[in-house]
C-alpha atoms as a PDB file:
ATOM      1  CA  MET A   1     -33.863-100.289  54.973  1.00  0.00           C
ATOM      2  CA  ARG A   2     -32.384 -97.125  56.514  1.00  0.00           C
ATOM      3  CA  LEU A   3     -28.915 -98.605  56.116  1.00  0.00           C
ATOM      4  CA  PHE A   4     -29.425 -99.067  52.372  1.00  0.00           C
ATOM      5  CA  LYS A   5     -30.803 -95.552  52.038  1.00  0.00           C
ATOM      6  CA  ALA A   6     -27.795 -94.086  53.902  1.00  0.00           C
ATOM      7  CA  LEU A   7     -25.395 -96.188  51.830  1.00  0.00           C
ATOM      8  CA  GLY A   8     -27.089 -94.975  48.644  1.00  0.00           C
ATOM      9  CA  ILE A   9     -26.702 -91.363  49.708  1.00  0.00           C
ATOM     10  CA  VAL A  10     -23.007 -91.887  50.458  1.00  0.00           C
ATOM     11  CA  VAL A  11     -22.428 -93.502  47.038  1.00  0.00           C
ATOM     12  CA  LEU A  12     -24.227 -90.637  45.261  1.00  0.00           C
ATOM     13  CA  ALA A  13     -22.169 -88.078  47.194  1.00  0.00           C
ATOM     14  CA  MET A  14     -18.932 -89.821  46.220  1.00  0.00           C
ATOM     15  CA  CYS A  15     -19.983 -89.860  42.557  1.00  0.00           C
ATOM     16  CA  ALA A  16     -20.833 -86.150  42.691  1.00  0.00           C
ATOM     17  CA  ILE A  17     -17.428 -85.352  44.221  1.00  0.00           C
ATOM     18  CA  ALA A  18     -15.633 -87.399  41.542  1.00  0.00           C
ATOM     19  CA  LEU A  19     -17.527 -85.637  38.741  1.00  0.00           C
ATOM     20  CA  ALA A  20     -16.918 -82.226  40.293  1.00  0.00           C
ATOM     21  CA  SER A  21     -13.173 -82.835  40.605  1.00  0.00           C
ATOM     22  CA  GLU A  22     -13.009 -83.817  36.904  1.00  0.00           C
ATOM     23  CA  LYS A  23     -14.819 -80.598  35.981  1.00  0.00           C
ATOM     24  CA  ASN A  24     -12.422 -78.578  38.154  1.00  0.00           C
ATOM     25  CA  LEU A  25      -9.470 -79.898  36.149  1.00  0.00           C
ATOM     26  CA  GLY A  26     -11.201 -78.786  32.966  1.00  0.00           C
ATOM     27  CA  ILE A  27     -10.019 -81.784  30.967  1.00  0.00           C
ATOM     28  CA  HIS A  28     -11.322 -84.969  29.414  1.00  0.00           C
ATOM     29  CA  ARG A  29     -10.002 -88.052  31.169  1.00  0.00           C
ATOM     30  CA  VAL A  30      -9.790 -90.016  27.881  1.00  0.00           C
ATOM     31  CA  ALA A  31      -9.030 -88.842  24.329  1.00  0.00           C
ATOM     32  CA  ASP A  32      -7.719 -90.190  21.024  1.00  0.00           C
ATOM     33  CA  VAL A  33      -4.379 -88.970  19.655  1.00  0.00           C
ATOM     34  CA  SER A  34      -2.319 -89.971  16.652  1.00  0.00           C
ATOM     35  CA  PHE A  35       1.309 -89.323  15.755  1.00  0.00           C
ATOM     36  CA  GLU A  36       2.526 -89.336  12.126  1.00  0.00           C
ATOM     37  CA  ALA A  37       6.082 -90.096  13.223  1.00  0.00           C
ATOM     38  CA  ALA A  38       7.820 -91.122  16.438  1.00  0.00           C
ATOM     39  CA  VAL A  39       7.718 -88.355  19.033  1.00  0.00           C
ATOM     40  CA  GLN A  40       9.523 -87.807  22.309  1.00  0.00           C
ATOM     41  CA  VAL A  41       7.176 -87.024  25.196  1.00  0.00           C
ATOM     42  CA  GLY A  42       9.093 -86.119  28.326  1.00  0.00           C
ATOM     43  CA  THR A  43      11.903 -88.690  28.399  1.00  0.00           C
ATOM     44  CA  THR A  44       9.884 -91.335  26.527  1.00  0.00           C
ATOM     45  CA  VAL A  45       9.921 -91.909  22.762  1.00  0.00           C
ATOM     46  CA  ILE A  46       6.496 -92.949  21.493  1.00  0.00           C
ATOM     47  CA  PRO A  47       6.322 -94.633  18.055  1.00  0.00           C
ATOM     48  CA  ALA A  48       4.069 -93.338  15.283  1.00  0.00           C
ATOM     49  CA  GLY A  49       0.493 -94.611  15.522  1.00  0.00           C
ATOM     50  CA  GLU A  50      -2.923 -94.058  17.035  1.00  0.00           C
ATOM     51  CA  TYR A  51      -3.320 -93.957  20.793  1.00  0.00           C
ATOM     52  CA  LYS A  52      -5.947 -93.799  23.521  1.00  0.00           C
ATOM     53  CA  VAL A  53      -4.712 -91.197  25.992  1.00  0.00           C
ATOM     54  CA  ARG A  54      -5.826 -91.174  29.633  1.00  0.00           C
ATOM     55  CA  HIS A  55      -5.117 -88.490  32.176  1.00  0.00           C
ATOM     56  CA  THR A  56      -4.632 -89.961  35.658  1.00  0.00           C
ATOM     57  CA  MET A  57      -3.177 -88.925  38.967  1.00  0.00           C
ATOM     58  CA  ASP A  58      -0.242 -90.668  40.633  1.00  0.00           C
ATOM     59  CA  GLY A  59      -0.264 -89.093  44.072  1.00  0.00           C
ATOM     60  CA  GLN A  60       0.191 -85.375  43.353  1.00  0.00           C
ATOM     61  CA  ASP A  61       1.604 -86.011  39.856  1.00  0.00           C
ATOM     62  CA  HIS A  62      -0.457 -85.659  36.687  1.00  0.00           C
ATOM     63  CA  VAL A  63       0.270 -88.591  34.348  1.00  0.00           C
ATOM     64  CA  MET A  64      -0.687 -89.143  30.702  1.00  0.00           C
ATOM     65  CA  THR A  65      -0.942 -92.796  29.699  1.00  0.00           C
ATOM     66  CA  PHE A  66      -0.636 -93.455  25.954  1.00  0.00           C
ATOM     67  CA  THR A  67      -2.005 -96.883  24.956  1.00  0.00           C
ATOM     68  CA  ARG A  68      -1.407 -97.849  21.315  1.00  0.00           C
ATOM     69  CA  ASN A  69      -4.621 -98.929  19.591  1.00  0.00           C
ATOM     70  CA  GLY A  70      -4.634-102.648  18.770  1.00  0.00           C
ATOM     71  CA  LYS A  71      -1.378-103.320  20.631  1.00  0.00           C
ATOM     72  CA  HIS A  72      -0.293-103.848  24.212  1.00  0.00           C
ATOM     73  CA  GLU A  73       2.099-100.921  24.180  1.00  0.00           C
ATOM     74  CA  VAL A  74       1.629 -98.467  27.055  1.00  0.00           C
ATOM     75  CA  TYR A  75       3.691 -95.331  27.732  1.00  0.00           C
ATOM     76  CA  ARG A  76       3.345 -93.239  30.929  1.00  0.00           C
ATOM     77  CA  VAL A  77       4.547 -89.650  30.998  1.00  0.00           C
ATOM     78  CA  LYS A  78       4.257 -86.958  33.698  1.00  0.00           C
ATOM     79  CA  CYS A  79       2.653 -83.709  32.628  1.00  0.00           C
ATOM     80  CA  THR A  80       1.656 -80.340  34.014  1.00  0.00           C
ATOM     81  CA  LEU A  81      -1.796 -78.821  33.496  1.00  0.00           C
ATOM     82  CA  VAL A  82      -1.862 -75.182  32.417  1.00  0.00           C
ATOM     83  CA  ALA A  83      -5.166 -73.323  32.267  1.00  0.00           C
ATOM     84  CA  LEU A  84      -6.391 -71.987  28.935  1.00  0.00           C
ATOM     85  CA  GLU A  85      -8.304 -68.709  28.601  1.00  0.00           C
ATOM     86  CA  LYS A  86     -11.283 -70.541  27.070  1.00  0.00           C
ATOM     87  CA  LYS A  87     -12.259 -74.027  25.923  1.00  0.00           C
ATOM     88  CA  ALA A  88      -9.955 -75.347  23.222  1.00  0.00           C
ATOM     89  CA  PRO A  89     -11.742 -75.171  19.844  1.00  0.00           C
ATOM     90  CA  GLN A  90      -9.698 -78.048  18.385  1.00  0.00           C
ATOM     91  CA  ASP A  91      -7.114 -80.717  19.178  1.00  0.00           C
ATOM     92  CA  GLN A  92      -3.576 -79.420  18.917  1.00  0.00           C
ATOM     93  CA  GLN A  93      -0.093 -80.852  19.306  1.00  0.00           C
ATOM     94  CA  ILE A  94       2.811 -78.438  19.850  1.00  0.00           C
ATOM     95  CA  ILE A  95       5.851 -80.293  18.501  1.00  0.00           C
ATOM     96  CA  GLU A  96       9.402 -78.964  18.285  1.00  0.00           C
ATOM     97  CA  THR A  97      12.333 -80.514  16.480  1.00  0.00           C
ATOM     98  CA  SER A  98      15.517 -81.088  18.433  1.00  0.00           C
ATOM     99  CA  GLY A  99      18.235 -82.460  16.146  1.00  0.00           C
ATOM    100  CA  ASN A 100      16.400 -85.171  14.239  1.00  0.00           C
ATOM    101  CA  GLN A 101      13.978 -85.924  17.115  1.00  0.00           C
ATOM    102  CA  ARG A 102      10.391 -84.597  17.233  1.00  0.00           C
ATOM    103  CA  VAL A 103       9.490 -83.487  20.790  1.00  0.00           C
ATOM    104  CA  LEU A 104       5.895 -83.046  21.978  1.00  0.00           C
ATOM    105  CA  ARG A 105       5.827 -79.976  24.241  1.00  0.00           C
ATOM    106  CA  GLU A 106       2.064 -79.473  24.642  1.00  0.00           C
ATOM    107  CA  LEU A 107      -1.096 -81.462  24.011  1.00  0.00           C
ATOM    108  CA  ILE A 108      -4.446 -79.692  23.802  1.00  0.00           C
ATOM    109  CA  ILE A 109      -7.724 -81.634  23.581  1.00  0.00           C
ATOM    110  CA  ARG A 110     -10.793 -79.995  22.019  1.00  0.00           C
ATOM    111  CA  GLY A 111     -13.246 -78.834  24.678  1.00  0.00           C
ATOM    112  CA  ASP A 112     -10.696 -78.802  27.522  1.00  0.00           C
ATOM    113  CA  THR A 113      -9.975 -75.673  29.529  1.00  0.00           C
ATOM    114  CA  ALA A 114      -6.410 -76.760  30.357  1.00  0.00           C
ATOM    115  CA  LYS A 115      -3.507 -78.020  28.278  1.00  0.00           C
ATOM    116  CA  HIS A 116      -0.987 -80.756  29.052  1.00  0.00           C
ATOM    117  CA  VAL A 117       2.617 -79.522  29.086  1.00  0.00           C
ATOM    118  CA  PHE A 118       5.518 -81.994  29.015  1.00  0.00           C
END
């Protein structure tokens, strides 16, 4: 019985650490994003559509994974987190035009305290 109690305490501690680390980043792990037209993110061109976006870690690298809703298309792009002064009041995409290509430079998710820079 003591073993189960100790194991339960360890599991709870691990969950608390995982939740605390997510709070420290100041971001949602999963969000919904849509693009009206194809957009270049980093070195990857992502077609127009609606996506589920997940922030993950790959070693020390921050990675955004864009999964197209209803399709099996997945795009992985490295990003950098930059702290915001306060929680973002709304979703925002900072897109520049380079030639005839739209380039996503920053992605801000409502409620986050950091933005994703590509």
